[in-house]
Amino acid sequence: MPYNFYLAAPEKLEEFTEADIPISGFLEDLVCNVDIILDATTAGNGEKNKV
């Protein structure tokens, strides 16, 4: 894959593995490796997704 793909729902790992989708890590790994996170969800969903 030409980019890193981080999984926000660890319980879905088996489904991604079965579909041969390579995972670079989980949401916590991504948060540790970036300076800025942009919430591009539709209005009202961002608050529900806060970690």
N, C-alpha and C. Protein backbone atom coordinates (compact mmCIF):
# COMPACT_ATOMS: atom_id res chain seq x y z
N MET A 1 0.85 -1.17 0.00
CA MET A 1 0.00 0.00 0.00
C MET A 1 0.90 1.24 0.00
N PRO A 2 0.55 2.26 -0.74
CA PRO A 2 1.40 3.46 -0.80
C PRO A 2 1.25 4.40 0.39
N TYR A 3 0.44 4.02 1.36
CA TYR A 3 0.21 4.86 2.53
C TYR A 3 0.00 3.98 3.75
N ASN A 4 0.08 4.58 4.92
CA ASN A 4 -0.18 3.84 6.15
C ASN A 4 -1.67 3.84 6.44
N PHE A 5 -2.19 2.71 6.89
CA PHE A 5 -3.61 2.56 7.19
C PHE A 5 -3.74 2.16 8.65
N TYR A 6 -4.36 3.01 9.44
CA TYR A 6 -4.54 2.76 10.87
C TYR A 6 -5.98 2.39 11.14
N LEU A 7 -6.16 1.42 11.99
CA LEU A 7 -7.49 0.91 12.29
C LEU A 7 -8.00 1.53 13.59
N ALA A 8 -9.18 2.15 13.53
CA ALA A 8 -9.75 2.81 14.71
C ALA A 8 -10.53 1.82 15.58
N ALA A 9 -10.93 0.70 15.02
CA ALA A 9 -11.73 -0.28 15.76
C ALA A 9 -10.97 -1.60 15.82
N PRO A 10 -10.17 -1.81 16.87
CA PRO A 10 -9.36 -3.04 16.96
C PRO A 10 -10.17 -4.33 16.83
N GLU A 11 -11.42 -4.30 17.22
CA GLU A 11 -12.24 -5.50 17.12
C GLU A 11 -12.51 -5.91 15.68
N LYS A 12 -12.21 -5.03 14.73
CA LYS A 12 -12.40 -5.32 13.30
C LYS A 12 -11.13 -5.86 12.64
N LEU A 13 -10.05 -6.04 13.40
CA LEU A 13 -8.78 -6.46 12.83
C LEU A 13 -8.90 -7.76 12.04
N GLU A 14 -9.61 -8.74 12.56
CA GLU A 14 -9.74 -10.02 11.86
C GLU A 14 -10.38 -9.84 10.48
N GLU A 15 -11.38 -8.98 10.38
CA GLU A 15 -12.04 -8.74 9.09
C GLU A 15 -11.07 -8.14 8.08
N PHE A 16 -10.24 -7.20 8.52
CA PHE A 16 -9.26 -6.59 7.63
C PHE A 16 -8.19 -7.59 7.23
N THR A 17 -7.77 -8.42 8.17
CA THR A 17 -6.77 -9.44 7.90
C THR A 17 -7.30 -10.45 6.88
N GLU A 18 -8.53 -10.88 7.06
CA GLU A 18 -9.15 -11.83 6.13
C GLU A 18 -9.30 -11.24 4.74
N ALA A 19 -9.47 -9.92 4.66
CA ALA A 19 -9.60 -9.23 3.37
C ALA A 19 -8.25 -8.84 2.79
N ASP A 20 -7.16 -9.26 3.44
CA ASP A 20 -5.79 -8.93 3.00
C ASP A 20 -5.53 -7.43 2.91
N ILE A 21 -6.10 -6.69 3.85
CA ILE A 21 -5.85 -5.25 3.94
C ILE A 21 -4.80 -5.03 5.02
N PRO A 22 -3.60 -4.60 4.63
CA PRO A 22 -2.53 -4.43 5.63
C PRO A 22 -2.80 -3.25 6.57
N ILE A 23 -2.58 -3.47 7.85
CA ILE A 23 -2.80 -2.46 8.87
C ILE A 23 -1.45 -1.99 9.40
N SER A 24 -1.26 -0.67 9.48
CA SER A 24 -0.01 -0.10 10.00
C SER A 24 -0.03 0.01 11.51
N GLY A 25 -1.21 0.00 12.09
CA GLY A 25 -1.35 0.14 13.53
C GLY A 25 -2.78 0.50 13.87
N PHE A 26 -2.96 0.96 15.08
CA PHE A 26 -4.29 1.33 15.56
C PHE A 26 -4.34 2.83 15.82
N LEU A 27 -5.51 3.33 16.13
CA LEU A 27 -5.70 4.77 16.32
C LEU A 27 -4.70 5.35 17.32
N GLU A 28 -4.45 4.63 18.39
CA GLU A 28 -3.51 5.12 19.40
C GLU A 28 -2.11 5.30 18.81
N ASP A 29 -1.70 4.41 17.90
CA ASP A 29 -0.41 4.52 17.23
C ASP A 29 -0.37 5.76 16.34
N LEU A 30 -1.46 6.00 15.63
CA LEU A 30 -1.54 7.17 14.75
C LEU A 30 -1.41 8.45 15.56
N VAL A 31 -2.15 8.55 16.66
CA VAL A 31 -2.13 9.75 17.50
C VAL A 31 -0.72 10.05 17.99
N CYS A 32 0.05 9.01 18.26
CA CYS A 32 1.43 9.20 18.74
C CYS A 32 2.38 9.65 17.63
N ASN A 33 1.98 9.51 16.37
CA ASN A 33 2.88 9.79 15.26
C ASN A 33 2.53 11.02 14.44
N VAL A 34 1.54 11.79 14.84
CA VAL A 34 1.13 12.97 14.07
C VAL A 34 1.11 14.21 14.95
N ASP A 35 1.17 15.38 14.30
CA ASP A 35 1.09 16.65 15.01
C ASP A 35 -0.33 17.20 15.00
N ILE A 36 -1.08 16.90 13.93
CA ILE A 36 -2.43 17.44 13.76
C ILE A 36 -3.36 16.33 13.31
N ILE A 37 -4.56 16.30 13.86
CA ILE A 37 -5.61 15.38 13.41
C ILE A 37 -6.79 16.24 12.98
N LEU A 38 -7.26 16.04 11.77
CA LEU A 38 -8.38 16.80 11.22
C LEU A 38 -9.63 15.94 11.28
N ASP A 39 -10.65 16.45 11.93
CA ASP A 39 -11.93 15.75 12.00
C ASP A 39 -12.75 16.17 10.79
N ALA A 40 -12.97 15.25 9.85
CA ALA A 40 -13.71 15.56 8.63
C ALA A 40 -15.05 14.83 8.60
N THR A 41 -15.58 14.48 9.77
CA THR A 41 -16.88 13.81 9.82
C THR A 41 -17.98 14.85 9.64
N THR A 42 -19.18 14.38 9.37
CA THR A 42 -20.30 15.29 9.21
C THR A 42 -20.66 15.91 10.56
N ALA A 43 -21.37 17.01 10.52
CA ALA A 43 -21.72 17.77 11.72
C ALA A 43 -22.35 16.87 12.78
N GLY A 44 -21.85 17.00 14.00
CA GLY A 44 -22.39 16.25 15.14
C GLY A 44 -21.69 14.93 15.40
N ASN A 45 -21.03 14.35 14.41
CA ASN A 45 -20.37 13.06 14.62
C ASN A 45 -19.02 13.19 15.30
N GLY A 46 -18.34 14.28 15.12
CA GLY A 46 -17.03 14.47 15.73
C GLY A 46 -17.05 14.33 17.24
N GLU A 47 -18.05 14.91 17.86
CA GLU A 47 -18.17 14.84 19.32
C GLU A 47 -18.35 13.39 19.78
N LYS A 48 -19.10 12.59 19.04
CA LYS A 48 -19.30 11.19 19.38
C LYS A 48 -18.02 10.37 19.24
N ASN A 49 -17.12 10.80 18.35
CA ASN A 49 -15.91 10.04 18.06
C ASN A 49 -14.71 10.42 18.91
N LYS A 50 -14.83 11.42 19.77
CA LYS A 50 -13.70 11.83 20.58
C LYS A 50 -13.19 10.69 21.43
N VAL A 51 -11.88 10.58 21.51
CA VAL A 51 -11.26 9.51 22.29
C VAL A 51 -10.93 10.03 23.66
